[in-house]
Amino acid sequence: FVRCDPHQMVASYTSSNTYIFDIETGKQVLMLDTKANSDSSGSNQINRVINHPTLPVSITAHEDRHIRFFDNNTGKIIHSMVAHLDSVTSLAIDPNGLYLLSGSHDCSIRLWNLDSK
């Protein structure tokens, strides 16, 4: 669910397509531009998607070691980073939206300070 808009939800697929849907109508509201920064191997599978608790931002964890941040109003990528040495498989964010926790197949868990981004 999109925390800053309770009438919307975000869904991602192994094809790396990510959409925001209106819960009441079931219609697609927006497609996030998740394929824009795909690597040459095409390994852009999304393993996890979460939403920022206070901002209109979706955050995705990818098979290609990246974490990407998307604007829920435009669908455009606003930040991308190589976060781990292997696939990023888990994401969690604190209720205030200040810290992001990521887990990976590289057997590491990393804590990111979103305030310093």
C-alpha atoms as a PDB file:
ATOM      1  CA  PHE A   1       0.000   0.000   0.000  1.00  0.00           C
ATOM      2  CA  VAL A   2       1.084   3.583  -0.613  1.00  0.00           C
ATOM      3  CA  ARG A   3       1.354   5.024   2.878  1.00  0.00           C
ATOM      4  CA  CYS A   4       0.876   8.679   1.943  1.00  0.00           C
ATOM      5  CA  ASP A   5      -2.199   7.838  -0.194  1.00  0.00           C
ATOM      6  CA  PRO A   6      -4.376   5.139   1.409  1.00  0.00           C
ATOM      7  CA  HIS A   7      -6.418   4.751  -1.805  1.00  0.00           C
ATOM      8  CA  GLN A   8      -3.436   3.403  -3.734  1.00  0.00           C
ATOM      9  CA  MET A   9      -1.227   0.324  -3.741  1.00  0.00           C
ATOM     10  CA  VAL A  10       2.001  -0.529  -5.518  1.00  0.00           C
ATOM     11  CA  ALA A  11       2.693  -3.893  -7.146  1.00  0.00           C
ATOM     12  CA  SER A  12       5.849  -5.153  -8.803  1.00  0.00           C
ATOM     13  CA  TYR A  13       6.417  -8.224 -10.916  1.00  0.00           C
ATOM     14  CA  THR A  14       9.428 -10.432 -11.678  1.00  0.00           C
ATOM     15  CA  SER A  15       9.376  -8.893 -15.160  1.00  0.00           C
ATOM     16  CA  SER A  16      10.507  -5.687 -13.357  1.00  0.00           C
ATOM     17  CA  ASN A  17       7.272  -3.873 -14.180  1.00  0.00           C
ATOM     18  CA  THR A  18       5.949  -1.836 -11.255  1.00  0.00           C
ATOM     19  CA  TYR A  19       2.542  -0.176 -11.145  1.00  0.00           C
ATOM     20  CA  ILE A  20       0.539   1.979  -8.780  1.00  0.00           C
ATOM     21  CA  PHE A  21      -3.138   1.007  -8.693  1.00  0.00           C
ATOM     22  CA  ASP A  22      -6.218   2.767  -7.348  1.00  0.00           C
ATOM     23  CA  ILE A  23      -7.665   0.360  -4.769  1.00  0.00           C
ATOM     24  CA  GLU A  24     -11.266   1.513  -5.223  1.00  0.00           C
ATOM     25  CA  THR A  25     -11.386   1.232  -9.023  1.00  0.00           C
ATOM     26  CA  GLY A  26      -8.678  -1.395  -9.535  1.00  0.00           C
ATOM     27  CA  LYS A  27      -7.296   0.710 -12.380  1.00  0.00           C
ATOM     28  CA  GLN A  28      -3.638   1.420 -13.036  1.00  0.00           C
ATOM     29  CA  VAL A  29      -2.747   4.967 -11.989  1.00  0.00           C
ATOM     30  CA  LEU A  30       0.938   5.015 -12.934  1.00  0.00           C
ATOM     31  CA  MET A  31       3.744   2.810 -14.218  1.00  0.00           C
ATOM     32  CA  LEU A  32       7.085   3.350 -12.503  1.00  0.00           C
ATOM     33  CA  ASP A  33      10.009   3.643 -14.906  1.00  0.00           C
ATOM     34  CA  THR A  34      11.808   0.603 -13.431  1.00  0.00           C
ATOM     35  CA  LYS A  35      13.486  -0.452 -16.671  1.00  0.00           C
ATOM     36  CA  ALA A  36      15.230   2.891 -17.275  1.00  0.00           C
ATOM     37  CA  ASN A  37      18.458   1.876 -15.520  1.00  0.00           C
ATOM     38  CA  SER A  38      18.494  -1.798 -16.474  1.00  0.00           C
ATOM     39  CA  ASP A  39      21.947  -3.317 -16.854  1.00  0.00           C
ATOM     40  CA  SER A  40      23.028  -4.928 -20.122  1.00  0.00           C
ATOM     41  CA  SER A  41      22.228  -8.464 -18.917  1.00  0.00           C
ATOM     42  CA  GLY A  42      18.593  -7.494 -18.352  1.00  0.00           C
ATOM     43  CA  SER A  43      18.734  -8.803 -14.775  1.00  0.00           C
ATOM     44  CA  ASN A  44      16.498  -6.111 -13.340  1.00  0.00           C
ATOM     45  CA  GLN A  45      14.065  -8.347 -11.437  1.00  0.00           C
ATOM     46  CA  ILE A  46      12.446  -6.629  -8.459  1.00  0.00           C
ATOM     47  CA  ASN A  47      12.642  -8.667  -5.259  1.00  0.00           C
ATOM     48  CA  ARG A  48      10.918  -6.234  -2.898  1.00  0.00           C
ATOM     49  CA  VAL A  49       9.022  -2.952  -3.058  1.00  0.00           C
ATOM     50  CA  ILE A  50       8.141  -0.665  -0.150  1.00  0.00           C
ATOM     51  CA  ASN A  51       6.850   2.878   0.233  1.00  0.00           C
ATOM     52  CA  HIS A  52       8.222   5.786   2.203  1.00  0.00           C
ATOM     53  CA  PRO A  53       5.925   6.478   5.182  1.00  0.00           C
ATOM     54  CA  THR A  54       5.672  10.244   4.670  1.00  0.00           C
ATOM     55  CA  LEU A  55       6.765  10.990   1.087  1.00  0.00           C
ATOM     56  CA  PRO A  56       5.285   9.878  -2.257  1.00  0.00           C
ATOM     57  CA  VAL A  57       8.272   7.601  -2.925  1.00  0.00           C
ATOM     58  CA  SER A  58       8.456   3.886  -3.764  1.00  0.00           C
ATOM     59  CA  ILE A  59      11.680   2.000  -3.077  1.00  0.00           C
ATOM     60  CA  THR A  60      12.621  -1.180  -4.940  1.00  0.00           C
ATOM     61  CA  ALA A  61      15.221  -3.889  -4.254  1.00  0.00           C
ATOM     62  CA  HIS A  62      16.668  -5.445  -7.392  1.00  0.00           C
ATOM     63  CA  GLU A  63      18.404  -8.609  -8.502  1.00  0.00           C
ATOM     64  CA  ASP A  64      21.126  -6.421 -10.083  1.00  0.00           C
ATOM     65  CA  ARG A  65      22.370  -5.252  -6.601  1.00  0.00           C
ATOM     66  CA  HIS A  66      20.594  -1.880  -6.813  1.00  0.00           C
ATOM     67  CA  ILE A  67      18.115  -0.053  -4.635  1.00  0.00           C
ATOM     68  CA  ARG A  68      16.064   2.454  -6.614  1.00  0.00           C
ATOM     69  CA  PHE A  69      13.821   5.293  -5.462  1.00  0.00           C
ATOM     70  CA  PHE A  70      10.836   6.426  -7.571  1.00  0.00           C
ATOM     71  CA  ASP A  71       8.581   9.475  -7.459  1.00  0.00           C
ATOM     72  CA  ASN A  72       5.001   8.196  -7.082  1.00  0.00           C
ATOM     73  CA  ASN A  73       3.646  11.299  -8.836  1.00  0.00           C
ATOM     74  CA  THR A  74       5.705  11.072 -12.029  1.00  0.00           C
ATOM     75  CA  GLY A  75       6.894   7.454 -12.082  1.00  0.00           C
ATOM     76  CA  LYS A  76      10.451   8.640 -12.708  1.00  0.00           C
ATOM     77  CA  ILE A  77      13.524   7.387 -10.909  1.00  0.00           C
ATOM     78  CA  ILE A  78      14.881   9.911  -8.412  1.00  0.00           C
ATOM     79  CA  HIS A  79      17.846   7.948  -7.050  1.00  0.00           C
ATOM     80  CA  SER A  80      19.632   4.671  -7.748  1.00  0.00           C
ATOM     81  CA  MET A  81      22.522   3.059  -5.920  1.00  0.00           C
ATOM     82  CA  VAL A  82      24.506  -0.161  -5.958  1.00  0.00           C
ATOM     83  CA  ALA A  83      23.733  -1.299  -2.432  1.00  0.00           C
ATOM     84  CA  HIS A  84      25.217  -4.786  -2.087  1.00  0.00           C
ATOM     85  CA  LEU A  85      27.655  -7.261  -3.632  1.00  0.00           C
ATOM     86  CA  ASP A  86      24.778  -9.582  -4.633  1.00  0.00           C
ATOM     87  CA  SER A  87      21.003  -9.398  -5.152  1.00  0.00           C
ATOM     88  CA  VAL A  88      19.092  -7.116  -2.794  1.00  0.00           C
ATOM     89  CA  THR A  89      16.299  -9.240  -1.336  1.00  0.00           C
ATOM     90  CA  SER A  90      14.839  -7.316   1.606  1.00  0.00           C
ATOM     91  CA  LEU A  91      13.897  -3.752   2.486  1.00  0.00           C
ATOM     92  CA  ALA A  92      12.423  -2.130   5.581  1.00  0.00           C
ATOM     93  CA  ILE A  93      11.995   1.507   6.535  1.00  0.00           C
ATOM     94  CA  ASP A  94      11.431   3.034   9.956  1.00  0.00           C
ATOM     95  CA  PRO A  95       8.080   4.765  10.656  1.00  0.00           C
ATOM     96  CA  ASN A  96       9.663   8.232  10.441  1.00  0.00           C
ATOM     97  CA  GLY A  97      11.297   7.522   7.085  1.00  0.00           C
ATOM     98  CA  LEU A  98      14.812   8.334   8.286  1.00  0.00           C
ATOM     99  CA  TYR A  99      16.452   4.902   8.004  1.00  0.00           C
ATOM    100  CA  LEU A 100      16.316   2.183   5.369  1.00  0.00           C
ATOM    101  CA  LEU A 101      17.437  -1.373   6.102  1.00  0.00           C
ATOM    102  CA  SER A 102      18.431  -3.676   3.233  1.00  0.00           C
ATOM    103  CA  GLY A 103      19.354  -7.344   3.113  1.00  0.00           C
ATOM    104  CA  SER A 104      21.086  -9.295   0.382  1.00  0.00           C
ATOM    105  CA  HIS A 105      22.179 -12.697  -0.868  1.00  0.00           C
ATOM    106  CA  ASP A 106      25.704 -11.491  -0.023  1.00  0.00           C
ATOM    107  CA  CYS A 107      24.810 -12.321   3.624  1.00  0.00           C
ATOM    108  CA  SER A 108      24.868  -8.692   4.738  1.00  0.00           C
ATOM    109  CA  ILE A 109      22.334  -6.321   6.229  1.00  0.00           C
ATOM    110  CA  ARG A 110      22.954  -2.622   5.711  1.00  0.00           C
ATOM    111  CA  LEU A 111      21.478   0.412   7.422  1.00  0.00           C
ATOM    112  CA  TRP A 112      21.108   3.540   5.280  1.00  0.00           C
ATOM    113  CA  ASN A 113      20.569   7.035   6.664  1.00  0.00           C
ATOM    114  CA  LEU A 114      18.007   8.565   4.285  1.00  0.00           C
ATOM    115  CA  ASP A 115      18.382  11.982   5.874  1.00  0.00           C
ATOM    116  CA  SER A 116      21.917  12.290   4.491  1.00  0.00           C
ATOM    117  CA  LYS A 117      20.932  11.457   0.883  1.00  0.00           C
END
